[in-house]
């Protein structure tokens, strides 16, 4: 037998009354021991021993479908669907085995339904992202301005280490926000590639990035392009890469994905918002795009090879459900 968690081994070797629920659980665990992992055995033990403690160590032939259903309902009232789902799966396995072994007259687990796991969102709030962008942009107020023709211009003087870092970080955040590219892809962007992509005026600009899998095409607007042009103009050093990491008085290095994540977390804390990962902005891009232009175009915008991948990124929030409920609810007046 595989080495298992001590409490599991102690339970399986403890004396149990013949025909009792505990004895049946011991037999079931011994039956499963050679087929599943140690972690699965521990999970089965915890699920079934808790069930036995709840219903009492009755004779197993006295169990009914109602015992299983009542216990599952008890769990639903106390725990989240994600926590309950694997426990209900363990109960279903045990009930099925009892029936197959001829211990119970029916498979009492058939009526147990695993709760549907609530789809968790994997992105920061859109409002937090916009707060961060506005905070960084506000820090540069006085150094950037619009000329008479509406073009974004930078002051000739007044730029120090902190303001240059802010311009760099804001440009990186804007590119993540607008394009939805991955952190590694942003770090791999070269100045030459972006200068070429942004050379000619356009309603929207396409750029090609490479990183996790293959070359990917992303799209940004004039807001990001003009910021990048000012960063390229003001950066205090020449470097192959569009974005870099440097400390006061130190030499610049190519920006890494971990350093990008640390920068984003630091800027979030400075803005008084909960830190989020760079990849959260890719998720948010999908959700924002799906709401505005549909899932198919959202998939194109983040250059997913399969729309199913994009669908996995998507998340319907409570606000959308509330709007849908109002639109599809009763629209008349009762009195």
Protein backbone atom coordinates (compact mmCIF):
# COMPACT_ATOMS: atom_id res chain seq x y z
CA UNK A 1 0.00 0.00 0.00
CA UNK A 2 1.20 3.51 -0.78
CA UNK A 3 2.43 5.72 2.04
CA UNK A 4 -0.45 7.93 3.07
CA UNK A 5 -1.29 10.68 5.45
CA UNK A 6 -1.10 9.30 9.01
CA UNK A 7 -4.74 9.95 9.90
CA UNK A 8 -5.87 8.07 6.79
CA UNK A 9 -3.73 5.06 7.67
CA UNK A 10 -4.90 5.13 11.28
CA UNK A 11 -8.54 5.18 10.17
CA UNK A 12 -8.07 2.29 7.75
CA UNK A 13 -6.40 0.13 10.42
CA UNK A 14 -8.78 0.99 13.29
CA UNK A 15 -11.27 -1.69 14.43
CA UNK A 16 -14.77 -1.15 13.06
CA UNK A 17 -18.01 -2.96 13.79
CA UNK A 18 -19.01 -5.45 11.10
CA UNK A 19 -21.58 -3.99 8.75
CA UNK A 20 -21.04 -0.44 10.00
CA UNK A 21 -20.61 2.61 7.82
CA UNK A 22 -17.02 2.96 9.05
CA UNK A 23 -16.23 -0.62 8.01
CA UNK A 24 -17.70 0.02 4.55
CA UNK A 25 -15.61 3.17 4.17
CA UNK A 26 -12.49 1.22 5.15
CA UNK A 27 -13.23 -1.42 2.51
CA UNK A 28 -13.85 1.26 -0.11
CA UNK A 29 -10.56 3.02 0.68
CA UNK A 30 -8.68 -0.28 0.47
CA UNK A 31 -10.36 -0.93 -2.88
CA UNK A 32 -9.26 2.47 -4.23
CA UNK A 33 -5.80 2.55 -2.62
CA UNK A 34 -3.89 0.90 -5.48
CA UNK A 35 -5.60 2.93 -8.21
CA UNK A 36 -5.39 6.55 -7.09
CA UNK A 37 -2.80 8.98 -5.79
CA UNK A 38 -2.01 9.61 -2.14
CA UNK A 39 -3.65 13.03 -2.34
CA UNK A 40 -6.85 11.47 -3.71
CA UNK A 41 -6.87 8.90 -0.91
CA UNK A 42 -6.58 11.64 1.70
CA UNK A 43 -9.42 13.56 0.04
CA UNK A 44 -11.65 10.46 -0.06
CA UNK A 45 -10.94 9.78 3.62
CA UNK A 46 -11.75 13.34 4.65
CA UNK A 47 -14.98 13.45 2.64
CA UNK A 48 -16.31 10.07 3.77
CA UNK A 49 -15.23 10.26 7.41
CA UNK A 50 -17.01 13.63 7.68
CA UNK A 51 -20.12 12.02 6.16
CA UNK A 52 -19.95 9.19 8.72
CA UNK A 53 -19.54 11.68 11.55
CA UNK A 54 -22.61 13.57 10.36
CA UNK A 55 -25.03 10.64 9.88
CA UNK A 56 -23.55 8.52 12.68
CA UNK A 57 -21.82 5.16 12.42
CA UNK A 58 -25.03 3.39 11.45
CA UNK A 59 -25.32 0.00 9.80
CA UNK A 60 -24.58 0.61 6.16
CA UNK A 61 -27.66 -1.34 5.06
CA UNK A 62 -29.76 1.23 6.92
CA UNK A 63 -28.49 4.09 4.77
CA UNK A 64 -31.00 5.71 2.44
CA UNK A 65 -30.82 8.08 -0.47
CA UNK A 66 -32.18 10.72 1.87
CA UNK A 67 -29.08 10.45 4.07
CA UNK A 68 -26.83 11.31 1.13
CA UNK A 69 -29.10 14.10 -0.11
CA UNK A 70 -29.51 15.64 3.34
CA UNK A 71 -25.75 15.69 3.88
CA UNK A 72 -25.15 17.26 0.47
CA UNK A 73 -27.75 19.95 1.26
CA UNK A 74 -26.02 20.53 4.59
CA UNK A 75 -22.77 21.19 2.72
CA UNK A 76 -24.46 23.56 0.28
CA UNK A 77 -25.65 25.73 3.14
CA UNK A 78 -22.17 26.05 4.61
CA UNK A 79 -19.61 26.03 1.80
CA UNK A 80 -19.01 27.45 -1.65
CA UNK A 81 -19.81 25.38 -4.79
CA UNK A 82 -16.11 25.04 -5.58
CA UNK A 83 -15.48 23.47 -2.17
CA UNK A 84 -18.49 21.15 -2.27
CA UNK A 85 -18.12 19.85 -5.82
CA UNK A 86 -15.23 17.37 -5.18
CA UNK A 87 -16.83 16.21 -1.90
CA UNK A 88 -20.07 15.36 -3.70
CA UNK A 89 -17.99 13.52 -6.30
CA UNK A 90 -16.45 11.39 -3.50
CA UNK A 91 -19.91 10.61 -2.11
CA UNK A 92 -21.12 9.56 -5.54
CA UNK A 93 -18.13 7.23 -5.94
CA UNK A 94 -18.78 5.63 -2.55
CA UNK A 95 -22.53 5.19 -3.15
CA UNK A 96 -21.88 3.63 -6.56
CA UNK A 97 -19.36 1.18 -5.04
CA UNK A 98 -21.83 0.19 -2.29
CA UNK A 99 -24.40 -0.73 -4.91
CA UNK A 100 -21.91 -2.56 -7.14
CA UNK A 101 -20.80 -4.64 -4.13
CA UNK A 102 -24.42 -5.52 -3.38
CA UNK A 103 -24.31 -3.78 0.00
CA UNK A 104 -27.17 -1.38 -0.82
CA UNK A 105 -30.25 -2.07 -2.91
CA UNK A 106 -29.77 0.98 -5.10
CA UNK A 107 -27.13 3.50 -6.12
CA UNK A 108 -28.04 6.32 -3.76
CA UNK A 109 -25.51 8.64 -5.36
CA UNK A 110 -27.42 8.93 -8.63
CA UNK A 111 -29.61 11.68 -7.27
CA UNK A 112 -26.68 13.71 -6.00
CA UNK A 113 -25.90 16.65 -8.28
CA UNK A 114 -22.51 18.33 -8.17
CA UNK A 115 -22.98 22.06 -7.64
CA UNK A 116 -22.01 24.18 -10.57
CA UNK A 117 -18.79 25.97 -9.82
CA UNK A 118 -19.08 29.74 -9.97
CA UNK A 119 -16.81 31.08 -12.68
CA UNK A 120 -14.29 33.28 -10.96
CA UNK A 121 -12.94 36.33 -12.68
CA UNK A 122 -9.23 36.40 -13.37
CA UNK A 123 -8.85 40.08 -13.95
CA UNK A 124 -8.75 43.34 -12.08
CA UNK A 125 -11.66 45.72 -12.13
CA UNK A 126 -11.79 47.93 -15.19
CA UNK A 127 -12.20 50.92 -12.89
CA UNK A 128 -8.92 50.07 -11.14
CA UNK A 129 -7.05 49.97 -14.45
CA UNK A 130 -8.45 53.36 -15.45
CA UNK A 131 -7.62 54.75 -12.02
CA UNK A 132 -4.02 53.62 -12.44
CA UNK A 133 -3.76 55.16 -15.91
CA UNK A 134 -5.22 58.47 -14.73
CA UNK A 135 -2.91 58.50 -11.68
CA UNK A 136 0.20 58.01 -13.80
CA UNK A 137 -0.97 60.54 -16.38
CA UNK A 138 -1.73 63.08 -13.62
CA UNK A 139 1.82 62.75 -12.30
CA UNK A 140 3.09 64.02 -15.65
CA UNK A 141 0.77 67.04 -15.73
CA UNK A 142 2.88 70.09 -16.46
CA UNK A 143 5.43 68.11 -18.47
CA UNK A 144 3.02 67.07 -21.23
CA UNK A 145 0.59 69.31 -23.09
CA UNK A 146 -1.44 69.59 -26.30
CA UNK A 147 -0.39 72.11 -28.92
CA UNK A 148 -2.78 74.20 -31.02
CA UNK A 149 -3.27 71.29 -33.41
CA UNK A 150 -4.07 68.81 -30.65
CA UNK A 151 -0.76 66.96 -30.81
CA UNK A 152 0.76 65.72 -27.56
CA UNK A 153 4.01 67.49 -26.76
CA UNK A 154 6.62 67.19 -24.03
CA UNK A 155 8.29 70.05 -22.20
CA UNK A 156 11.95 70.52 -23.04
CA UNK A 157 13.05 70.82 -19.42
CA UNK A 158 11.98 69.47 -16.03
CA UNK A 159 12.44 65.79 -16.76
CA UNK A 160 14.15 63.87 -13.98
CA UNK A 161 14.55 60.20 -13.10
CA UNK A 162 11.08 59.86 -11.54
CA UNK A 163 9.22 61.59 -14.36
CA UNK A 164 11.05 59.55 -17.01
CA UNK A 165 10.21 56.36 -15.11
CA UNK A 166 6.57 57.44 -14.94
CA UNK A 167 6.45 58.13 -18.69
CA UNK A 168 8.01 54.72 -19.34
CA UNK A 169 5.60 52.92 -16.99
CA UNK A 170 2.51 54.73 -18.28
CA UNK A 171 3.44 53.84 -21.87
CA UNK A 172 3.85 50.17 -20.91
CA UNK A 173 0.54 50.13 -19.01
CA UNK A 174 -1.30 51.78 -21.89
CA UNK A 175 0.08 49.26 -24.36
CA UNK A 176 -1.00 46.37 -22.10
CA UNK A 177 -4.44 47.92 -21.60
CA UNK A 178 -5.14 48.71 -25.25
CA UNK A 179 -3.57 45.70 -26.97
CA UNK A 180 -4.12 42.92 -24.43
CA UNK A 181 -0.68 41.52 -25.20
CA UNK A 182 1.12 39.21 -22.78
CA UNK A 183 3.81 40.48 -20.41
CA UNK A 184 6.58 38.55 -22.17
CA UNK A 185 5.45 39.84 -25.55
CA UNK A 186 5.61 43.44 -24.37
CA UNK A 187 9.10 42.86 -22.97
CA UNK A 188 10.24 41.46 -26.33
CA UNK A 189 9.09 44.48 -28.35
CA UNK A 190 11.96 46.31 -30.03
CA UNK A 191 12.09 50.04 -30.66
CA UNK A 192 12.76 49.39 -34.33
CA UNK A 193 9.63 47.25 -34.64
CA UNK A 194 7.40 49.82 -32.92
CA UNK A 195 8.89 52.76 -34.80
CA UNK A 196 8.10 50.99 -38.03
CA UNK A 197 4.56 50.04 -36.94
CA UNK A 198 3.78 53.59 -35.78
CA UNK A 199 5.47 55.48 -38.63
CA UNK A 200 2.38 56.44 -40.64
CA UNK A 201 -0.79 58.07 -39.21
CA UNK A 202 -3.70 55.64 -39.02
CA UNK A 203 -7.10 55.27 -37.28
CA UNK A 204 -5.58 52.32 -35.40
CA UNK A 205 -2.11 50.83 -35.44
CA UNK A 206 -1.13 47.17 -35.74
CA UNK A 207 2.01 45.77 -34.19
CA UNK A 208 3.52 42.30 -34.18
CA UNK A 209 4.87 40.83 -30.94
CA UNK A 210 6.43 37.48 -30.19
CA UNK A 211 6.63 35.60 -26.94
CA UNK A 212 4.73 32.61 -25.55
CA UNK A 213 3.88 30.78 -28.76
CA UNK A 214 4.36 32.62 -32.03
CA UNK A 215 4.12 36.04 -33.58
CA UNK A 216 0.91 37.77 -32.54
CA UNK A 217 -0.72 40.83 -34.06
CA UNK A 218 -2.18 43.42 -31.71
CA UNK A 219 -3.83 46.80 -32.20
CA UNK A 220 -3.59 50.12 -30.37
CA UNK A 221 -4.95 53.63 -30.84
CA UNK A 222 -3.36 57.04 -31.18
CA UNK A 223 -3.31 57.49 -27.39
CA UNK A 224 -0.73 54.75 -26.92
CA UNK A 225 1.20 55.60 -30.08
CA UNK A 226 1.77 59.24 -29.14
CA UNK A 227 2.85 58.23 -25.65
CA UNK A 228 5.36 55.77 -27.08
CA UNK A 229 6.75 58.40 -29.45
CA UNK A 230 7.34 60.77 -26.52
CA UNK A 231 8.97 58.01 -24.48
CA UNK A 232 11.24 57.18 -27.42
CA UNK A 233 12.11 60.87 -27.75
CA UNK A 234 12.76 61.44 -24.03
CA UNK A 235 14.40 58.19 -22.98
CA UNK A 236 17.88 58.94 -21.58
CA UNK A 237 19.63 56.10 -23.40
CA UNK A 238 19.58 54.14 -26.65
CA UNK A 239 18.44 50.54 -26.28
CA UNK A 240 17.25 47.85 -28.67
CA UNK A 241 14.17 47.12 -26.59
CA UNK A 242 11.18 49.45 -26.36
CA UNK A 243 10.84 48.96 -22.61
CA UNK A 244 13.57 48.58 -20.05
CA UNK A 245 14.44 48.31 -16.40
CA UNK A 246 16.89 50.69 -14.78
CA UNK A 247 17.69 52.20 -11.42
CA UNK A 248 18.79 55.71 -10.65
CA UNK A 249 22.35 56.05 -11.95
CA UNK A 250 22.38 52.45 -13.24
CA UNK A 251 22.63 51.02 -16.72
CA UNK A 252 19.37 50.02 -18.45
CA UNK A 253 18.51 46.38 -19.09
CA UNK A 254 15.84 44.67 -21.11
CA UNK A 255 12.58 44.61 -19.15
CA UNK A 256 11.66 41.12 -17.87
CA UNK A 257 8.15 39.80 -17.19
CA UNK A 258 8.79 39.55 -13.40
CA UNK A 259 10.12 43.12 -13.34
CA UNK A 260 7.05 44.28 -15.26
CA UNK A 261 4.81 42.59 -12.72
CA UNK A 262 6.70 44.20 -9.84
CA UNK A 263 6.45 47.61 -11.47
CA UNK A 264 2.70 47.22 -11.98
CA UNK A 265 2.15 46.10 -8.38
CA UNK A 266 4.19 49.05 -7.08
CA UNK A 267 2.26 51.54 -9.19
CA UNK A 268 -1.05 50.03 -8.04
CA UNK A 269 -0.07 50.46 -4.40
CA UNK A 270 0.94 54.05 -5.05
CA UNK A 271 -2.49 54.64 -6.63
CA UNK A 272 -4.23 53.07 -3.62
CA UNK A 273 -5.73 50.15 -5.54
CA UNK A 274 -5.38 46.41 -5.17
CA UNK A 275 -2.34 45.19 -7.15
CA UNK A 276 -3.02 43.06 -10.21
CA UNK A 277 -0.89 41.10 -12.66
CA UNK A 278 -0.09 42.25 -16.21
CA UNK A 279 -2.05 39.26 -17.57
CA UNK A 280 -5.18 40.58 -15.86
CA UNK A 281 -5.21 43.34 -18.45
CA UNK A 282 -5.39 40.71 -21.20
CA UNK A 283 -8.44 39.17 -19.54
CA UNK A 284 -9.99 42.61 -19.18
CA UNK A 285 -9.33 43.33 -22.88
CA UNK A 286 -11.30 40.21 -23.82
CA UNK A 287 -14.22 41.10 -21.57
CA UNK A 288 -14.31 44.74 -22.66
CA UNK A 289 -14.11 43.73 -26.33
CA UNK A 290 -16.79 41.07 -26.01
CA UNK A 291 -19.21 43.59 -24.52
CA UNK A 292 -18.55 46.12 -27.28
CA UNK A 293 -17.93 44.10 -30.45
CA UNK A 294 -18.73 40.46 -29.65
CA UNK A 295 -16.67 37.38 -28.82
CA UNK A 296 -15.45 36.65 -32.35
CA UNK A 297 -13.86 40.07 -32.82
CA UNK A 298 -12.55 39.94 -29.24
CA UNK A 299 -10.75 36.74 -30.19
CA UNK A 300 -9.23 38.47 -33.21
CA UNK A 301 -8.10 41.46 -31.16
CA UNK A 302 -6.05 39.30 -28.76
CA UNK A 303 -5.04 36.99 -31.64
CA UNK A 304 -6.21 33.73 -30.10
CA UNK A 305 -5.84 30.74 -32.40
CA UNK A 306 -9.08 29.26 -31.07
CA UNK A 307 -12.22 31.13 -30.02
CA UNK A 308 -12.69 28.58 -27.22
CA UNK A 309 -9.57 29.99 -25.59
CA UNK A 310 -11.13 33.45 -25.72
CA UNK A 311 -14.36 32.12 -24.24
CA UNK A 312 -12.39 30.76 -21.27
CA UNK A 313 -11.06 34.30 -20.63
CA UNK A 314 -14.56 35.77 -20.63
CA UNK A 315 -16.55 36.62 -17.53
CA UNK A 316 -20.11 37.90 -17.13
CA UNK A 317 -20.30 40.17 -14.12
CA UNK A 318 -23.24 40.85 -11.81
CA UNK A 319 -23.92 44.17 -13.49
CA UNK A 320 -24.52 42.48 -16.84
CA UNK A 321 -26.75 39.87 -15.24
CA UNK A 322 -28.73 42.64 -13.54
CA UNK A 323 -29.26 44.45 -16.84
CA UNK A 324 -30.32 41.18 -18.49
CA UNK A 325 -32.74 40.47 -15.64
CA UNK A 326 -34.38 43.89 -16.05
CA UNK A 327 -34.62 43.57 -19.83
CA UNK A 328 -36.13 40.09 -19.69
CA UNK A 329 -38.25 40.58 -16.57
CA UNK A 330 -41.84 41.67 -16.16
CA UNK A 331 -42.32 45.11 -17.70
CA UNK A 332 -45.94 45.80 -16.84
CA UNK A 333 -47.59 47.21 -13.73
CA UNK A 334 -49.51 45.03 -11.30
CA UNK A 335 -51.52 47.91 -9.84
